[in-house]
Amino acid sequence: MSHTGREEKSLKGNLGFVVGMKRPVHTDNHCLEIILKSAAGQRERLGGMLIAAKRLTQTELDMALCEQECSGEKLGQILMRRGYLSMSELDAILSFQNKLGSELEGVSPLQLGKLLIACNDITEAQLHEALEIQKQSGQRIGDILVQAGYAKPSSIKKGLGLQKKLMSLAIATLLSTSAFLGGASDVQAGESSVSYAAVSPVEIYSAGLKQASSSRQLEKLYNKAINMLNKGASELERAKSMLKYAADSGYTQAQFTLGMVYLEDEYTEKTGLYWLERAAQNGHVDAEFAYNNYQNRDFGIGC
């Protein structure tokens, strides 16, 4: 095992984590409190945190963001309704997120300065001196350490990379623990925590569908998808996700375009014909022509 690997494993051990484990070592509120206090580093978006913790894929996040663009709902509400998060998990990760973003070194064992000490890149005395400077200047601790000659830029980069890995592990463990216990509210007394207990999933779903049915919003989403298609293959999957959401919501032009996109690949021709038929049934003339044309080909492709 490399020197960096040993450092990382040691740090994870200090937090009560083990590489590759599927459940947290501790399953009590004390564990939740420890994990929440470990929050450190720059403030991250909810979707990015969930992807880093391997709770969401990029495609799943894109679909949720498509829905958010149409409905105007909070992302957390959408993720709950889609079954990606429970209410207790959402409360826990939002509490964690709220603790991120402070430039000042705090009590978290994952603060950059403490990680650099653990990696033998700086001493405790050097960190203490840098913290005193930070109190006056408000600068980032990494910049102070480099300016003072206590750490190299490469060491700061390595420390930030290690911090990111450990934060992802902490979030994954937080979600697992909060699901087991039913939430982080008990350890968050006196602190604000977003909760959607007053709104049932059925009410959220109904409100989302009502807003998403707005043709103006769907047209806006459709146009955005077209712009992404024009950028080429790099944005194809995201564009298809947006088109599918609009098509599922009954936007006929999106049904037609999605059908034509799928018809470009012989492996998805049946899916393309399905969407063309949907659009044709909704009165889209070009879709009807394209559907009949494909159905009457010598190849005899049908649904």
Protein backbone atom coordinates (compact mmCIF):
# COMPACT_ATOMS: atom_id res chain seq x y z
CA MET A 1 0.00 0.00 0.00
CA SER A 2 1.31 3.47 -0.89
CA HIS A 3 2.10 6.12 1.73
CA THR A 4 -0.94 8.14 0.64
CA GLY A 5 -3.12 5.04 0.77
CA ARG A 6 -2.02 4.34 4.36
CA GLU A 7 -2.75 7.94 5.32
CA GLU A 8 -6.23 7.75 3.77
CA LYS A 9 -7.05 4.44 5.47
CA SER A 10 -5.82 5.78 8.82
CA LEU A 11 -7.96 8.89 8.50
CA LYS A 12 -11.01 6.81 7.58
CA GLY A 13 -10.34 4.61 10.59
CA ASN A 14 -10.28 7.62 12.89
CA LEU A 15 -13.76 8.52 11.66
CA GLY A 16 -15.06 5.01 12.27
CA PHE A 17 -15.13 4.14 8.55
CA VAL A 18 -13.65 1.14 6.78
CA VAL A 19 -12.85 1.06 3.08
CA GLY A 20 -15.47 -0.84 1.13
CA MET A 21 -17.95 -1.22 3.98
CA LYS A 22 -21.65 -1.11 3.15
CA ARG A 23 -22.95 -0.05 6.58
CA PRO A 24 -21.66 2.36 9.18
CA VAL A 25 -19.80 0.97 12.18
CA HIS A 26 -22.04 2.87 14.56
CA THR A 27 -25.81 2.94 14.17
CA ASP A 28 -26.87 5.45 16.80
CA ASN A 29 -27.49 9.17 17.01
CA HIS A 30 -23.96 9.69 18.29
CA CYS A 31 -22.67 8.43 14.95
CA LEU A 32 -24.87 10.90 13.09
CA GLU A 33 -23.57 13.71 15.24
CA ILE A 34 -19.97 12.72 14.53
CA ILE A 35 -20.59 12.58 10.78
CA LEU A 36 -22.38 15.94 10.72
CA LYS A 37 -19.48 17.52 12.59
CA SER A 38 -17.09 16.12 9.99
CA ALA A 39 -18.53 18.39 7.28
CA ALA A 40 -15.71 20.43 5.79
CA GLY A 41 -14.70 22.13 2.57
CA GLN A 42 -16.53 24.15 -0.05
CA ARG A 43 -20.31 24.16 -0.23
CA GLU A 44 -21.53 21.60 -2.76
CA ARG A 45 -24.76 21.27 -4.69
CA LEU A 46 -27.14 18.57 -3.51
CA GLY A 47 -26.99 16.64 -6.79
CA GLY A 48 -23.20 16.66 -6.84
CA MET A 49 -23.04 15.38 -3.28
CA LEU A 50 -25.39 12.50 -4.09
CA ILE A 51 -23.42 11.53 -7.20
CA ALA A 52 -20.16 11.59 -5.22
CA ALA A 53 -21.77 9.32 -2.62
CA LYS A 54 -22.91 7.00 -5.46
CA ARG A 55 -26.55 7.47 -4.52
CA LEU A 56 -27.42 8.97 -7.93
CA THR A 57 -26.10 8.60 -11.45
CA GLN A 58 -25.62 11.63 -13.70
CA THR A 59 -28.52 10.45 -15.87
CA GLU A 60 -30.84 10.17 -12.86
CA LEU A 61 -29.85 13.65 -11.74
CA ASP A 62 -30.40 15.05 -15.22
CA MET A 63 -33.91 13.59 -15.30
CA ALA A 64 -34.70 15.13 -11.92
CA LEU A 65 -33.32 18.49 -13.04
CA CYS A 66 -35.47 18.31 -16.18
CA GLU A 67 -38.51 17.85 -13.99
CA GLN A 68 -37.40 20.69 -11.74
CA GLU A 69 -37.06 23.01 -14.73
CA CYS A 70 -40.68 22.38 -15.64
CA SER A 71 -42.30 22.14 -12.23
CA GLY A 72 -40.28 24.66 -10.22
CA GLU A 73 -40.13 22.25 -7.28
CA LYS A 74 -37.16 21.90 -4.99
CA LEU A 75 -34.77 19.18 -6.11
CA GLY A 76 -35.07 17.39 -2.79
CA GLN A 77 -38.83 17.04 -3.20
CA ILE A 78 -38.39 15.55 -6.66
CA LEU A 79 -35.74 13.09 -5.47
CA MET A 80 -38.03 11.98 -2.65
CA ARG A 81 -40.95 11.42 -4.99
CA ARG A 82 -38.79 9.46 -7.41
CA GLY A 83 -37.66 7.21 -4.57
CA TYR A 84 -33.99 8.18 -4.53
CA LEU A 85 -34.12 9.59 -0.99
CA SER A 86 -36.28 9.10 2.07
CA MET A 87 -37.35 12.10 4.13
CA SER A 88 -34.85 11.25 6.86
CA GLU A 89 -32.01 10.97 4.33
CA LEU A 90 -32.94 14.31 2.77
CA ASP A 91 -33.02 16.01 6.17
CA ALA A 92 -29.63 14.53 7.02
CA ILE A 93 -27.84 15.51 3.82
CA LEU A 94 -29.29 19.04 3.88
CA SER A 95 -28.07 19.42 7.46
CA PHE A 96 -24.64 18.27 6.27
CA GLN A 97 -24.74 20.66 3.31
CA ASN A 98 -25.59 23.60 5.58
CA LYS A 99 -22.35 23.04 7.48
CA LEU A 100 -20.23 23.35 4.34
CA GLY A 101 -18.80 26.52 2.88
CA SER A 102 -17.00 28.14 5.80
CA GLU A 103 -13.46 29.22 5.00
CA LEU A 104 -12.54 29.11 8.69
CA GLU A 105 -10.96 25.97 10.11
CA GLY A 106 -13.29 24.35 12.63
CA VAL A 107 -13.62 21.18 14.65
CA SER A 108 -14.06 18.78 11.74
CA PRO A 109 -11.33 16.14 11.40
CA LEU A 110 -11.69 16.60 7.65
CA GLN A 111 -10.61 20.24 7.64
CA LEU A 112 -7.71 20.77 5.27
CA GLY A 113 -5.26 21.79 7.99
CA LYS A 114 -5.88 18.63 10.02
CA LEU A 115 -5.51 16.46 6.92
CA LEU A 116 -2.20 18.11 6.08
CA ILE A 117 -0.95 17.37 9.60
CA ALA A 118 -2.06 13.75 9.27
CA CYS A 119 -0.15 13.54 5.98
CA ASN A 120 2.97 15.05 7.64
CA ASP A 121 2.90 18.01 5.25
CA ILE A 122 2.76 20.62 8.04
CA THR A 123 3.16 20.70 11.82
CA GLU A 124 0.58 21.59 14.43
CA ALA A 125 2.54 24.73 15.26
CA GLN A 126 2.45 25.85 11.63
CA LEU A 127 -1.30 25.23 11.45
CA HIS A 128 -1.84 27.17 14.68
CA GLU A 129 0.08 30.13 13.29
CA ALA A 130 -1.85 29.97 10.01
CA LEU A 131 -5.16 29.88 11.92
CA GLU A 132 -4.22 33.04 13.79
CA ILE A 133 -3.53 34.76 10.47
CA GLN A 134 -6.81 33.47 9.09
CA LYS A 135 -8.76 35.03 11.97
CA GLN A 136 -7.49 38.41 10.87
CA SER A 137 -7.47 38.04 7.09
CA GLY A 138 -10.25 35.57 6.37
CA GLN A 139 -8.07 33.95 3.70
CA ARG A 140 -8.26 30.29 2.81
CA ILE A 141 -6.04 28.18 5.00
CA GLY A 142 -4.30 26.63 2.00
CA ASP A 143 -3.32 30.02 0.59
CA ILE A 144 -1.95 31.11 3.96
CA LEU A 145 0.15 27.96 4.34
CA VAL A 146 1.61 28.35 0.85
CA GLN A 147 2.34 32.07 1.31
CA ALA A 148 4.07 31.34 4.61
CA GLY A 149 6.23 28.69 2.98
CA TYR A 150 4.85 25.93 5.20
CA ALA A 151 3.30 23.90 2.40
CA LYS A 152 3.76 23.43 -1.33
CA PRO A 153 0.87 23.97 -3.77
CA SER A 154 1.14 20.27 -4.63
CA SER A 155 0.59 19.35 -0.97
CA ILE A 156 -2.51 21.56 -0.82
CA LYS A 157 -3.85 19.92 -3.98
CA LYS A 158 -3.22 16.46 -2.54
CA GLY A 159 -4.92 17.43 0.73
CA LEU A 160 -7.98 18.79 -1.08
CA GLY A 161 -8.23 15.62 -3.14
CA LEU A 162 -8.08 13.50 -0.01
CA GLN A 163 -10.67 15.72 1.64
CA LYS A 164 -13.03 15.23 -1.30
CA LYS A 165 -12.71 11.43 -1.15
CA LEU A 166 -13.34 11.32 2.58
CA MET A 167 -16.27 13.70 2.31
CA SER A 168 -17.91 11.39 -0.24
CA LEU A 169 -17.45 8.50 2.15
CA ALA A 170 -18.85 10.56 5.03
CA ILE A 171 -21.97 11.45 2.99
CA ALA A 172 -22.54 7.83 1.98
CA THR A 173 -22.27 6.76 5.61
CA LEU A 174 -24.54 9.60 6.73
CA LEU A 175 -27.25 8.49 4.32
CA SER A 176 -26.94 4.87 5.38
CA THR A 177 -27.08 5.76 9.07
CA SER A 178 -29.96 8.22 8.76
CA ALA A 179 -31.99 5.65 6.84
CA PHE A 180 -31.37 3.14 9.62
CA LEU A 181 -32.30 5.56 12.41
CA GLY A 182 -35.03 7.52 10.68
CA GLY A 183 -33.36 10.92 10.44
CA ALA A 184 -30.90 13.40 11.87
CA SER A 185 -33.45 15.64 13.55
CA ASP A 186 -32.63 14.43 17.07
CA VAL A 187 -29.05 15.61 16.80
CA GLN A 188 -29.95 18.87 15.11
CA ALA A 189 -31.89 20.46 17.96
CA GLY A 190 -31.79 24.22 17.71
CA GLU A 191 -30.60 24.19 14.10
CA SER A 192 -32.69 24.74 11.01
CA SER A 193 -33.32 21.61 8.98
CA VAL A 194 -35.44 21.43 5.84
CA SER A 195 -38.33 18.99 6.17
CA TYR A 196 -41.24 18.23 3.90
CA ALA A 197 -43.31 16.33 6.47
CA ALA A 198 -46.21 18.75 6.07
CA VAL A 199 -46.56 17.89 2.38
CA SER A 200 -47.52 14.39 1.34
CA PRO A 201 -45.84 12.76 -1.70
CA VAL A 202 -49.27 12.64 -3.42
CA GLU A 203 -49.71 16.40 -2.97
CA ILE A 204 -46.20 17.07 -4.26
CA TYR A 205 -46.79 14.81 -7.26
CA SER A 206 -50.12 16.42 -8.12
CA ALA A 207 -48.70 19.91 -7.85
CA GLY A 208 -45.69 18.94 -9.97
CA LEU A 209 -47.84 17.47 -12.73
CA LYS A 210 -50.08 20.53 -12.79
CA GLN A 211 -47.14 22.88 -13.17
CA ALA A 212 -45.30 20.62 -15.61
CA SER A 213 -48.31 20.56 -17.91
CA SER A 214 -47.75 24.20 -18.76
CA SER A 215 -46.99 24.25 -22.49
CA ARG A 216 -44.82 27.33 -22.05
CA GLN A 217 -42.54 25.56 -19.60
CA LEU A 218 -42.43 22.44 -21.73
CA GLU A 219 -41.62 24.51 -24.80
CA LYS A 220 -38.75 26.13 -22.90
CA LEU A 221 -37.43 22.71 -21.92
CA TYR A 222 -37.84 21.45 -25.49
CA ASN A 223 -35.88 24.37 -26.92
CA LYS A 224 -33.11 23.76 -24.43
CA ALA A 225 -32.96 20.12 -25.51
CA ILE A 226 -32.73 21.15 -29.17
CA ASN A 227 -29.83 23.47 -28.39
CA MET A 228 -28.07 20.57 -26.67
CA LEU A 229 -28.69 18.29 -29.66
CA ASN A 230 -27.04 20.88 -31.88
CA LYS A 231 -23.89 20.65 -29.76
CA GLY A 232 -23.34 17.08 -30.88
CA ALA A 233 -22.78 13.72 -29.25
CA SER A 234 -21.39 15.14 -26.01
CA GLU A 235 -24.83 16.39 -24.98
CA LEU A 236 -26.96 13.72 -26.67
CA GLU A 237 -27.95 11.77 -23.55
CA ARG A 238 -28.92 14.86 -21.59
CA ALA A 239 -30.92 16.15 -24.54
CA LYS A 240 -32.75 12.81 -24.81
CA SER A 241 -33.55 12.94 -21.10
CA MET A 242 -35.10 16.39 -21.49
CA LEU A 243 -37.02 15.37 -24.60
CA LYS A 244 -38.36 12.27 -22.86
CA TYR A 245 -39.61 14.28 -19.92
CA ALA A 246 -41.40 16.71 -22.24
CA ALA A 247 -42.72 13.81 -24.34
CA ASP A 248 -44.01 11.98 -21.28
CA SER A 249 -45.75 15.20 -20.25
CA GLY A 250 -47.67 15.20 -23.55
CA TYR A 251 -45.65 17.76 -25.52
CA THR A 252 -46.27 16.55 -29.08
CA GLN A 253 -43.29 18.19 -30.75
CA ALA A 254 -40.98 16.54 -28.23
CA GLN A 255 -42.60 13.17 -28.98
CA PHE A 256 -41.91 13.65 -32.68
CA THR A 257 -38.32 14.82 -32.20
CA LEU A 258 -37.54 12.07 -29.71
CA GLY A 259 -38.90 9.52 -32.17
CA MET A 260 -36.68 10.84 -34.96
CA VAL A 261 -33.63 10.82 -32.65
CA TYR A 262 -34.20 7.18 -31.72
CA LEU A 263 -34.75 6.22 -35.37
CA GLU A 264 -31.19 7.30 -36.15
CA ASP A 265 -29.93 4.20 -34.31
CA GLU A 266 -31.03 0.81 -35.66
CA TYR A 267 -31.00 -0.60 -32.13
CA THR A 268 -33.62 1.88 -30.93
CA GLU A 269 -35.87 1.99 -34.00
CA LYS A 270 -38.80 0.39 -32.18
CA THR A 271 -38.61 3.05 -29.48
CA GLY A 272 -38.48 5.71 -32.19
CA LEU A 273 -41.58 4.30 -33.86
CA TYR A 274 -43.37 4.24 -30.53
CA TRP A 275 -42.82 7.97 -30.03
CA LEU A 276 -43.73 8.78 -33.63
CA GLU A 277 -46.99 6.88 -33.16
CA ARG A 278 -47.68 8.76 -29.94
CA ALA A 279 -47.10 12.09 -31.70
CA ALA A 280 -49.22 11.02 -34.69
CA GLN A 281 -52.09 10.05 -32.40
CA ASN A 282 -51.88 13.54 -30.96
CA GLY A 283 -52.31 15.09 -34.40
CA HIS A 284 -48.69 15.75 -35.41
CA VAL A 285 -48.77 15.63 -39.24
CA ASP A 286 -45.02 15.14 -39.77
CA ALA A 287 -44.99 12.34 -37.20
CA GLU A 288 -47.84 10.58 -38.96
CA PHE A 289 -46.03 10.82 -42.31
CA ALA A 290 -42.74 9.57 -40.86
CA TYR A 291 -44.45 6.72 -39.00
CA ASN A 292 -46.33 5.51 -42.09
CA ASN A 293 -43.19 5.82 -44.19
CA TYR A 294 -41.25 3.56 -41.82
CA GLN A 295 -44.11 1.10 -41.51
CA ASN A 296 -44.37 0.75 -45.30
CA ARG A 297 -40.68 0.17 -45.92
CA ASP A 298 -39.62 -3.07 -47.53
CA PHE A 299 -37.88 -3.97 -44.29
CA GLY A 300 -41.25 -4.18 -42.57
CA ILE A 301 -40.17 -2.66 -39.29
CA GLY A 302 -43.06 -2.24 -36.86
CA CYS A 303 -43.68 -1.88 -33.16
